[in-house]
Amino acid sequence: MVKKIKSWFNVLLLTSILIFPGLVFAVDPQIIKGESSPLDRLNSAAVTNGPYTQTATDTTLATTLGLIINVVLSILGVIFIFLVILAGYQWMTAQGNEQSVTKAKDSMTRAVIGLIIVISSYAIWTFIKSTFLTKI
């Protein structure tokens, strides 16, 4: 009996968590300028208050280079994480072979050093971007 009550309570709790945020539709009164659909109001709120306030003409060389650098560093980070996982897999499947274990350790060491370099360069790039490029 207690199990049934707990399961019904869980269902009721999860249902309320999913339903109640939909019932609260807080909108800035300045956004509502007339009769419009909720989708139009959401689009208006996203354009005026969200992160998508830049238009296509606001793109500069600095933002384009910043985007390229962010993408390249992200891809390099993913590659080095994949290399760490691959070296760990090689180490786990070495089956006690000392030569394979040594090779896997060396691969993991190099991959971790590469990952540290990528994270450091990302930190340096973020500092440069926030310090210098926002003033251009």
C-alpha atoms as a PDB file:
ATOM      1  CA  MET A   1       0.000   0.000   0.000  1.00  0.00           C
ATOM      2  CA  VAL A   2       2.835   2.366   0.857  1.00  0.00           C
ATOM      3  CA  LYS A   3       4.518   1.510  -2.461  1.00  0.00           C
ATOM      4  CA  LYS A   4       1.373   2.479  -4.379  1.00  0.00           C
ATOM      5  CA  ILE A   5       1.117   5.774  -2.543  1.00  0.00           C
ATOM      6  CA  LYS A   6       4.790   6.531  -3.247  1.00  0.00           C
ATOM      7  CA  SER A   7       4.419   5.687  -6.919  1.00  0.00           C
ATOM      8  CA  TRP A   8       1.279   7.846  -7.249  1.00  0.00           C
ATOM      9  CA  PHE A   9       3.037  10.643  -5.413  1.00  0.00           C
ATOM     10  CA  ASN A  10       5.980  10.379  -7.811  1.00  0.00           C
ATOM     11  CA  VAL A  11       3.655  10.461 -10.815  1.00  0.00           C
ATOM     12  CA  LEU A  12       1.817  13.476  -9.407  1.00  0.00           C
ATOM     13  CA  LEU A  13       5.100  15.258  -8.608  1.00  0.00           C
ATOM     14  CA  LEU A  14       6.586  14.660 -12.053  1.00  0.00           C
ATOM     15  CA  THR A  15       3.355  15.686 -13.753  1.00  0.00           C
ATOM     16  CA  SER A  16       3.219  18.902 -11.768  1.00  0.00           C
ATOM     17  CA  ILE A  17       6.856  19.637 -12.560  1.00  0.00           C
ATOM     18  CA  LEU A  18       6.094  19.256 -16.256  1.00  0.00           C
ATOM     19  CA  ILE A  19       2.775  21.134 -16.288  1.00  0.00           C
ATOM     20  CA  PHE A  20       3.211  24.100 -13.926  1.00  0.00           C
ATOM     21  CA  PRO A  21       5.961  25.910 -15.869  1.00  0.00           C
ATOM     22  CA  GLY A  22       3.646  25.945 -18.881  1.00  0.00           C
ATOM     23  CA  LEU A  23       0.935  27.652 -16.857  1.00  0.00           C
ATOM     24  CA  VAL A  24       3.219  30.505 -15.888  1.00  0.00           C
ATOM     25  CA  PHE A  25       3.619  32.715 -18.921  1.00  0.00           C
ATOM     26  CA  ALA A  26       5.331  35.831 -17.632  1.00  0.00           C
ATOM     27  CA  VAL A  27       5.724  38.470 -20.313  1.00  0.00           C
ATOM     28  CA  ASP A  28       7.136  41.960 -20.150  1.00  0.00           C
ATOM     29  CA  PRO A  29       4.226  44.392 -20.666  1.00  0.00           C
ATOM     30  CA  GLN A  30       6.280  46.388 -23.163  1.00  0.00           C
ATOM     31  CA  ILE A  31       6.456  43.363 -25.447  1.00  0.00           C
ATOM     32  CA  ILE A  32       2.679  43.061 -25.709  1.00  0.00           C
ATOM     33  CA  LYS A  33       1.768  45.898 -28.054  1.00  0.00           C
ATOM     34  CA  GLY A  34      -1.519  44.518 -29.216  1.00  0.00           C
ATOM     35  CA  GLU A  35      -3.255  41.301 -29.884  1.00  0.00           C
ATOM     36  CA  SER A  36      -0.598  38.808 -30.944  1.00  0.00           C
ATOM     37  CA  SER A  37      -0.109  35.112 -30.629  1.00  0.00           C
ATOM     38  CA  PRO A  38       2.097  33.653 -27.892  1.00  0.00           C
ATOM     39  CA  LEU A  39       4.596  32.589 -30.563  1.00  0.00           C
ATOM     40  CA  ASP A  40       4.916  36.163 -31.817  1.00  0.00           C
ATOM     41  CA  ARG A  41       5.450  37.379 -28.266  1.00  0.00           C
ATOM     42  CA  LEU A  42       8.121  34.723 -27.689  1.00  0.00           C
ATOM     43  CA  ASN A  43       9.905  35.658 -30.925  1.00  0.00           C
ATOM     44  CA  SER A  44       9.750  39.323 -29.983  1.00  0.00           C
ATOM     45  CA  ALA A  45      11.140  38.600 -26.522  1.00  0.00           C
ATOM     46  CA  ALA A  46      13.949  36.488 -27.970  1.00  0.00           C
ATOM     47  CA  VAL A  47      14.956  39.159 -30.475  1.00  0.00           C
ATOM     48  CA  THR A  48      14.819  42.094 -28.061  1.00  0.00           C
ATOM     49  CA  ASN A  49      16.140  40.462 -24.886  1.00  0.00           C
ATOM     50  CA  GLY A  50      17.905  37.276 -25.910  1.00  0.00           C
ATOM     51  CA  PRO A  51      21.381  36.497 -27.160  1.00  0.00           C
ATOM     52  CA  TYR A  52      20.238  36.886 -30.777  1.00  0.00           C
ATOM     53  CA  THR A  53      20.109  40.666 -30.791  1.00  0.00           C
ATOM     54  CA  GLN A  54      22.942  41.049 -33.305  1.00  0.00           C
ATOM     55  CA  THR A  55      22.032  41.392 -36.914  1.00  0.00           C
ATOM     56  CA  ALA A  56      23.976  40.070 -39.870  1.00  0.00           C
ATOM     57  CA  THR A  57      25.605  43.461 -40.436  1.00  0.00           C
ATOM     58  CA  ASP A  58      27.190  43.406 -36.955  1.00  0.00           C
ATOM     59  CA  THR A  59      29.722  40.740 -37.963  1.00  0.00           C
ATOM     60  CA  THR A  60      33.265  42.065 -37.974  1.00  0.00           C
ATOM     61  CA  LEU A  61      36.612  40.518 -38.753  1.00  0.00           C
ATOM     62  CA  ALA A  62      37.352  40.150 -35.035  1.00  0.00           C
ATOM     63  CA  THR A  63      34.136  38.235 -34.356  1.00  0.00           C
ATOM     64  CA  THR A  64      34.691  35.998 -37.372  1.00  0.00           C
ATOM     65  CA  LEU A  65      38.262  35.208 -36.305  1.00  0.00           C
ATOM     66  CA  GLY A  66      37.058  34.653 -32.761  1.00  0.00           C
ATOM     67  CA  LEU A  67      34.460  32.186 -33.977  1.00  0.00           C
ATOM     68  CA  ILE A  68      37.045  30.333 -36.063  1.00  0.00           C
ATOM     69  CA  ILE A  69      39.489  30.160 -33.139  1.00  0.00           C
ATOM     70  CA  ASN A  70      36.750  28.915 -30.796  1.00  0.00           C
ATOM     71  CA  VAL A  71      35.733  26.187 -33.251  1.00  0.00           C
ATOM     72  CA  VAL A  72      39.327  25.056 -33.872  1.00  0.00           C
ATOM     73  CA  LEU A  73      40.142  24.920 -30.157  1.00  0.00           C
ATOM     74  CA  SER A  74      36.926  23.031 -29.451  1.00  0.00           C
ATOM     75  CA  ILE A  75      37.715  20.463 -32.140  1.00  0.00           C
ATOM     76  CA  LEU A  76      41.262  20.071 -30.818  1.00  0.00           C
ATOM     77  CA  GLY A  77      39.918  19.570 -27.302  1.00  0.00           C
ATOM     78  CA  VAL A  78      37.578  16.834 -28.506  1.00  0.00           C
ATOM     79  CA  ILE A  79      40.418  15.162 -30.426  1.00  0.00           C
ATOM     80  CA  PHE A  80      42.713  15.132 -27.379  1.00  0.00           C
ATOM     81  CA  ILE A  81      39.940  13.804 -25.128  1.00  0.00           C
ATOM     82  CA  PHE A  82      39.356  11.046 -27.686  1.00  0.00           C
ATOM     83  CA  LEU A  83      43.107  10.290 -27.666  1.00  0.00           C
ATOM     84  CA  VAL A  84      43.090  10.026 -23.853  1.00  0.00           C
ATOM     85  CA  ILE A  85      40.159   7.600 -24.026  1.00  0.00           C
ATOM     86  CA  LEU A  86      41.897   5.604 -26.778  1.00  0.00           C
ATOM     87  CA  ALA A  87      45.120   5.392 -24.750  1.00  0.00           C
ATOM     88  CA  GLY A  88      43.131   4.274 -21.722  1.00  0.00           C
ATOM     89  CA  TYR A  89      41.473   1.578 -23.814  1.00  0.00           C
ATOM     90  CA  GLN A  90      44.876   0.417 -25.090  1.00  0.00           C
ATOM     91  CA  TRP A  91      46.138   0.289 -21.522  1.00  0.00           C
ATOM     92  CA  MET A  92      43.107  -1.697 -20.346  1.00  0.00           C
ATOM     93  CA  THR A  93      43.465  -4.216 -23.180  1.00  0.00           C
ATOM     94  CA  ALA A  94      47.237  -4.635 -22.873  1.00  0.00           C
ATOM     95  CA  GLN A  95      46.717  -7.842 -20.867  1.00  0.00           C
ATOM     96  CA  GLY A  96      49.895  -7.384 -18.865  1.00  0.00           C
ATOM     97  CA  ASN A  97      52.173  -6.895 -21.872  1.00  0.00           C
ATOM     98  CA  GLU A  98      54.736  -4.386 -20.583  1.00  0.00           C
ATOM     99  CA  GLN A  99      55.532  -3.016 -24.031  1.00  0.00           C
ATOM    100  CA  SER A 100      51.844  -2.287 -24.742  1.00  0.00           C
ATOM    101  CA  VAL A 101      51.371  -0.762 -21.294  1.00  0.00           C
ATOM    102  CA  THR A 102      54.397   1.506 -21.787  1.00  0.00           C
ATOM    103  CA  LYS A 103      53.154   2.529 -25.239  1.00  0.00           C
ATOM    104  CA  ALA A 104      49.689   3.303 -23.830  1.00  0.00           C
ATOM    105  CA  LYS A 105      51.166   5.301 -20.939  1.00  0.00           C
ATOM    106  CA  ASP A 106      53.275   7.339 -23.342  1.00  0.00           C
ATOM    107  CA  SER A 107      50.250   7.970 -25.575  1.00  0.00           C
ATOM    108  CA  MET A 108      48.175   9.046 -22.594  1.00  0.00           C
ATOM    109  CA  THR A 109      50.924  11.352 -21.351  1.00  0.00           C
ATOM    110  CA  ARG A 110      51.206  13.027 -24.745  1.00  0.00           C
ATOM    111  CA  ALA A 111      47.420  13.338 -25.065  1.00  0.00           C
ATOM    112  CA  VAL A 112      47.083  14.881 -21.599  1.00  0.00           C
ATOM    113  CA  ILE A 113      49.888  17.345 -22.355  1.00  0.00           C
ATOM    114  CA  GLY A 114      48.117  18.268 -25.601  1.00  0.00           C
ATOM    115  CA  LEU A 115      44.836  18.691 -23.757  1.00  0.00           C
ATOM    116  CA  ILE A 116      46.512  20.957 -21.191  1.00  0.00           C
ATOM    117  CA  ILE A 117      47.998  23.046 -24.006  1.00  0.00           C
ATOM    118  CA  VAL A 118      44.595  23.361 -25.704  1.00  0.00           C
ATOM    119  CA  ILE A 119      42.862  24.330 -22.453  1.00  0.00           C
ATOM    120  CA  SER A 120      45.610  26.871 -21.711  1.00  0.00           C
ATOM    121  CA  SER A 121      45.373  28.375 -25.177  1.00  0.00           C
ATOM    122  CA  TYR A 122      41.586  28.557 -24.827  1.00  0.00           C
ATOM    123  CA  ALA A 123      41.991  30.394 -21.516  1.00  0.00           C
ATOM    124  CA  ILE A 124      44.502  32.790 -23.065  1.00  0.00           C
ATOM    125  CA  TRP A 125      42.197  33.354 -26.047  1.00  0.00           C
ATOM    126  CA  THR A 126      39.222  34.025 -23.769  1.00  0.00           C
ATOM    127  CA  PHE A 127      41.292  36.566 -21.828  1.00  0.00           C
ATOM    128  CA  ILE A 128      42.443  38.287 -25.032  1.00  0.00           C
ATOM    129  CA  LYS A 129      38.922  38.317 -26.433  1.00  0.00           C
ATOM    130  CA  SER A 130      37.344  39.750 -23.306  1.00  0.00           C
ATOM    131  CA  THR A 131      40.109  42.284 -22.694  1.00  0.00           C
ATOM    132  CA  PHE A 132      41.006  43.592 -26.116  1.00  0.00           C
ATOM    133  CA  LEU A 133      38.438  42.608 -28.730  1.00  0.00           C
ATOM    134  CA  THR A 134      35.426  43.973 -26.868  1.00  0.00           C
ATOM    135  CA  LYS A 135      36.980  47.438 -27.043  1.00  0.00           C
ATOM    136  CA  ILE A 136      37.304  47.394 -30.847  1.00  0.00           C
END
